[in-house]
């Protein structure tokens, strides 16, 4: 009887472990589906066994009647989670009910069908038969996961299993509905045929498979059932690639037909292979991505001291939608170390995420096992070691701080958990992802520095850190804490601490209310923005705010949600309502970084109402508060450009809250034509051309851009932030031409903070 209790126990465990996810939605459905399947199969076996022991004929109607109470297996856990949604925000009850029907409910239905089929094939051992059938149906998705680019799975029992369960936008869609309809129909037909074969069996009598086939073949109902099952199987196979249920490597390569082989070490064999789509400007794009891949491959080679046994294949998708359709991950970049593959959306020139994903593949040379990653007890991936190694190799710089400096900032702000807590599986998963990844990267980087490559390899392969480093128990944790608490890890400024607080104090994945619906709303609103449907976008954010406000309060809503809502109000022309939202949030005394964002929005609204002076004042006030370098440059650009009509139009179209979906290049060209001597216009145009994929770039254009940027760096009237950024762009142009002396000169002029040191090193290596 214990299997019948598993759905209730699973729902209870979810309530205890992750209360904010314990409402009826996709995460809960993923937990309940296998438990409901097992319980429903057990209930069916008991019903069939009772009918046989009581010497009662088993008809199709009879076994349905005896198993009907098993519906409680699905209904009661779902009711438990739905009731929990009364006390916590449950922003998507309709989507939750759909997911309940498509996952645990249909999982139970298919499991019942499998149990009936098992009763025909293995009448003496129906439980073992059911397990064999369930395992056989699991082989194709698992095999595709192991051998193909896909990271998502489509299973006849479970439905859709996302490649990364921490994706924040997955849920019911037309592909899942179609898959469940076709596969469930097929299994219902197989069960109907099995029921025909079982008719008349009594007193424990067994029928052979041959006899069962004969009964089905000679019964009209059985023949119809077989035809329906065969048709469902054929349709599933034919539609598999188009619907994403069965995407192969050949399908991915057909969509990404451009292949660039990189012989990085000059040994006549490629160390990396890049695949990308044949979109406009693909030659420039391929050259840029190839250059980045080669550069970052060399940096990883130096860090690890070894290279992968086979070439790294980098699959570069045009956008999130293409990546999701082909390999199953939407907003999350992924690597498959055992296949030597990295999958990501084109990250832009010089982005370090490419290094992060390739580092996972390099790490496979250090770890044993078929997956090439460390595992907890051989079962669960060890996320801290996996992601810590990738961050340590990538070593990103944000806000002038590397992961050591960011870790010190967290400890100063009391936002870092004890390292002993982080080293546990639950401790890593329960943190804000930015906190967990940053601390893990700092931890692994220190291990690499103190213990050498040998110690790092032993640790990544699963050894205890102190054993791997030949240290006393607890010594490495103490060494890390002492290091990040010292000036060797960096000295965060007040502004850096404010930025760190904003980034690291947000709740972790398991503590965010309405996580999935917020992500789905962002996707739907983005689509509405692209097609210019402002009313639909406004309705999406209105409904989400209405669901969250009773639980969180107006002032506790995520700032990003209110800014998105305000932008939608602006696009529908309701500037007064947008201003009321912004002023209300400003009055609630937000933290400094949030206040800067709200003042920025206040300035945008003033500009849209025709008051350029008030807009400048708001942006100037925002500039006095902590903000990232990019945000500061945007504020300066807006304040400088609003002096002319062309500038005001450009700000409204490119930077202002509620901006429409426009052709950015066309707007920049118009601005430059209207104000050819405006430094900010020249900077924006040069930057766009530098990072744009275009076939028309030539030496004269690059010389023109370089001259414009050079003039800005020499103009003392220009803000220091702009002069430094122009120096960085000039250094990148020089690196492209192989002029190392120029890179050195521009870096010296820009100063010596961590960000400049990072791009100086990167550009010189080009």
Foldseek 3Di string as FASTA:
>chain_A
DVLLCQLVVQLVVCCVQFVQPSAQFQVNLLSNLVSLLSNLLVQLVVQVVVCFQVFHFQAPVSSCVSSVVSVCSLPVSNVVRNVSCVQFFDQCVPLSVVSSCLFNVLLSLLSSLLLLLLCQAPVPCSVVSSVVVQVVQVVVQVVCCLAFLAQWAAGQNGGTDFSDPLDQADTDDPLSVVSNVLSSLLSVLSSQLSSQLRGPDHNSDHDHPVSSVVSLVVDPSSVVSVVSNVVSVVVCVVCCLVSLNDAGNVNLCVQQVDKDFDPLVPPPHGQAIETGGPDALVVLVVVQVNVLLSLLQVLLCVLQVDGFPHHAYEYEYQAQVVCCSRHRGGPDWEEQLLVNYTYYHSPFGPDLVSSLRNQLNRQLVLADDNRSFAADVPPHGQVLLSLLSSLLSSQDAFLLATLLQLLLLCVVVVLADQVVQLNDPSSLQFFAVVRSNSVSNLLLNVLCVQQNSQLSSCVRHPDDSCVSRVHDPPPSSVVSVVCSNDCVRPDDDPLSSLVSCVRGVDGHSSPDNSSNLVSNLVVVLVVCLQVLNLVVNLVSLVSSCVSNCVPQNLQRPPLVSLLSNLLSCVSVPNLVVSVVSLVVNVVVPDRQASNLVSLQQVLLSCLVVPNLVSSLVSLVVSLVTRDGLVSNVLSVQLNQQVPDPLSSVLCQQPPHRNHGDDDNLVSLVVSCVVPVPRLSSLQVNLVCVLGDSHPPDDPVSPVSSLVSLVVQLPDPVHDLSSNLVSLLSNLQSCLVVVNLVSLVVSLVSNDDGSVSVVSSVSSNSD
